[in-house]
Amino acid sequence: MTASTYPAPPTPQAVNISTFTPPPIDGSISTPQMIDFHLANNSAHPLFRFSTADTFKPPFEDILWRDAGQAIHRAARYAQAHIGTPSDITSAGSTKPPVIVVFAPAEFLHYSVFVYGVLRAGYVAHLISHRKSPAVLAHLFLKTDVTHVFVDESMRGLMNSVFHELQKEANAIIPTVFDFPAFADLFVKDDSQFQALPAMKNAHLDSTALIMNSSGSTSLPKAIYFTHRGLLEWSRSPWYGDRDLFRDVLGMQAAFPFYGAGYLYLASAFASGCICAVRSPLGKSTAITPEGLLGEAVATQATVVYSPPSLLEAWASNPSAITALSKFKIILYGGAPLREDVGSTLIASGVNISCSYAATEVGTISKLLPDTQPADDWDHFELSPQASPYLKPVEGHPGVFELVIFSTPTHQLQVRNIEIDGKPAYATGDLLVKHPKNPEKYKIVGRVDDQLALSTGVKLNPLSVEVAIKASPIVNGALIFGAGRPKLGILIEPAEPIDSTNPDAVLDFREAIWKTVDDANAINGHIRIAKEMIITTNPAKPFLYTEKGSIRRSAVMKLYAEEIEGAYATGGCFK
């Protein structure tokens, strides 16, 4: 696809608004080029908002496009001063742009402005979590040829540990390290000396803009190269929803600065004019607790709130939190299933929640913001007309489909892993069922790699049962096993550790959890877990989780292979 050939989307944004001019989204400019467009045309319009947490000031402060745009230019100049301009790098004989990583405990506003400065400078930004182990970080550095790291002083130790791992590899690139700039160095009030960078050349839309990473739930995280086209299509996603977002304030206080979700919503704001409410970059934010995050969403007058399911589960047990939640237009959750009892409680209390679906590999697939929907549809989503889905029937499971995505003129795939009828596609591995009354809506019921095939020939998905058991207050995590076996068992990580070598302690826990397990057995007619097949985890071998909270299923199965074999050998009984 060449520039200026994206078709007009169905839902225009900022309609009849005289104070905001949407940027071109036809492919004639890239998302980083929108920064200069907004500096020239929308300098007085807010991009960010954060809580002041100060009783002597208004409850929030806005960051206008003038200030954000200038800060991005300063970040770009800072990066170029240390690394060189793209023309300098080309003159030196390099054919690839530098790949930049940030290691800093900065809030989303500070971090993302620097990331966009990296893009505006003409480089590639690798969004990578500093929470990963040095060995995993070194693996990702090697796979993506990271050349430079901007690091906060507090993370020098981590960087040194990564370097130690890199030095074990014969041909490893050892990145050059620079200081991460302070917030005050990027945001300068009333800067009469500000100098914008020269106009940015049109980026090749199929060149890399960002590098992100898979969750690593089944293996080491994989690098995902995200193009300028993909970033532009993120910007276009509100234009395929049901509503004009211009007057909305997106509560993004729960967004991490190194995950894709926050950049999806920020890119959406670039093209729609909505405001991104984030945590304060000034060190005045409340504690990162469910109560603190909700308080900031309220203080910033958010209308739409993005939340992981874990926050909704915490808020659902607090009546005052439920009252606050009921005043938002809508709360979008995603990334993991939400317990049915929690969703039902919130809906019954007048809280409008909606499931969203996106993946790093393919971007947003559900409509970014759905129109008014029946309350009972909270766990279903409608596919966006921007994408081209194919529902692949799952053998042995009538009515269950694996979601497969094709490239279209409006939605180009970032990752391809299969071909169907000669056309490249991405098989998401997510399993869907259709809404019983509305065929346009779908619900996620599990993943292909979650499927268990018993030796009896029965195939089943354990997710709903695992979620039900995990809802118990005495359970931290649950994992059903039994592939290739005649019967199922379950590994349970107790909320309070118990001595798994003590028969009495194990039997007491089994009795305490048995009613929950027995009730969960009724959810799926094929799933039946006997009491003696409940294995409690060893406190010395806790479950392994991805950063997003999903159990690393295959890794945990390997960790407990001996205990699982023992359970089948003895029927779960102590001798």
Foldseek 3Di string as FASTA:
>chain_A
DAAQQQDQFAAAAPPPPPQDDFDDLRRPAFLLLLLVVCLVRRQAFFAAKWAPLDPVDARMDTDGSNQLSLLLQLLLVVVCVVVNAPVVCVVVPDPAFAEEEEADPFWQSLLVSNLSSCVNSPHAYEQDDLVDALLLVLVVCQVVVHAEYAYAPVCVVSLVSNQVNQVVDDPHHNHHYHHRDAPCSSGPPPDPPRDGDPNDDGDPQADFHYWYWDLQLAHRIDIFTAGSLNLSLLLCQLSQADDHQQAFEELCQVPGNRDDPVSSVSSVCSRRNHYYYYYDRPPSQDPPDLVRSLVTCVSRVGQEYEDELVSLVVLLVPVVSLVSQLRHNEYEYEDDDHQPVSLVSSLVSNHHYAYFDADPQFGGFFRPDHDDDPSVCRQKTFGGPLWDWDFDDDPPDPQKTFIKTFDDSRTGTSDFDDDDPNGTIHGPQWIWGADPPDRRIIHTDAGNVQWAQALVRDIDHCVNLFSQLCPDQQFPGKHKDHHHHNAIAMETETPDDDAQVDQVRLVVVLVVSVVSNCVSQVVDVVHDYDSLRYGYDHPVDDFDAGPSGHTSHVVVCVVCVVVNVVCVVVVNDDD
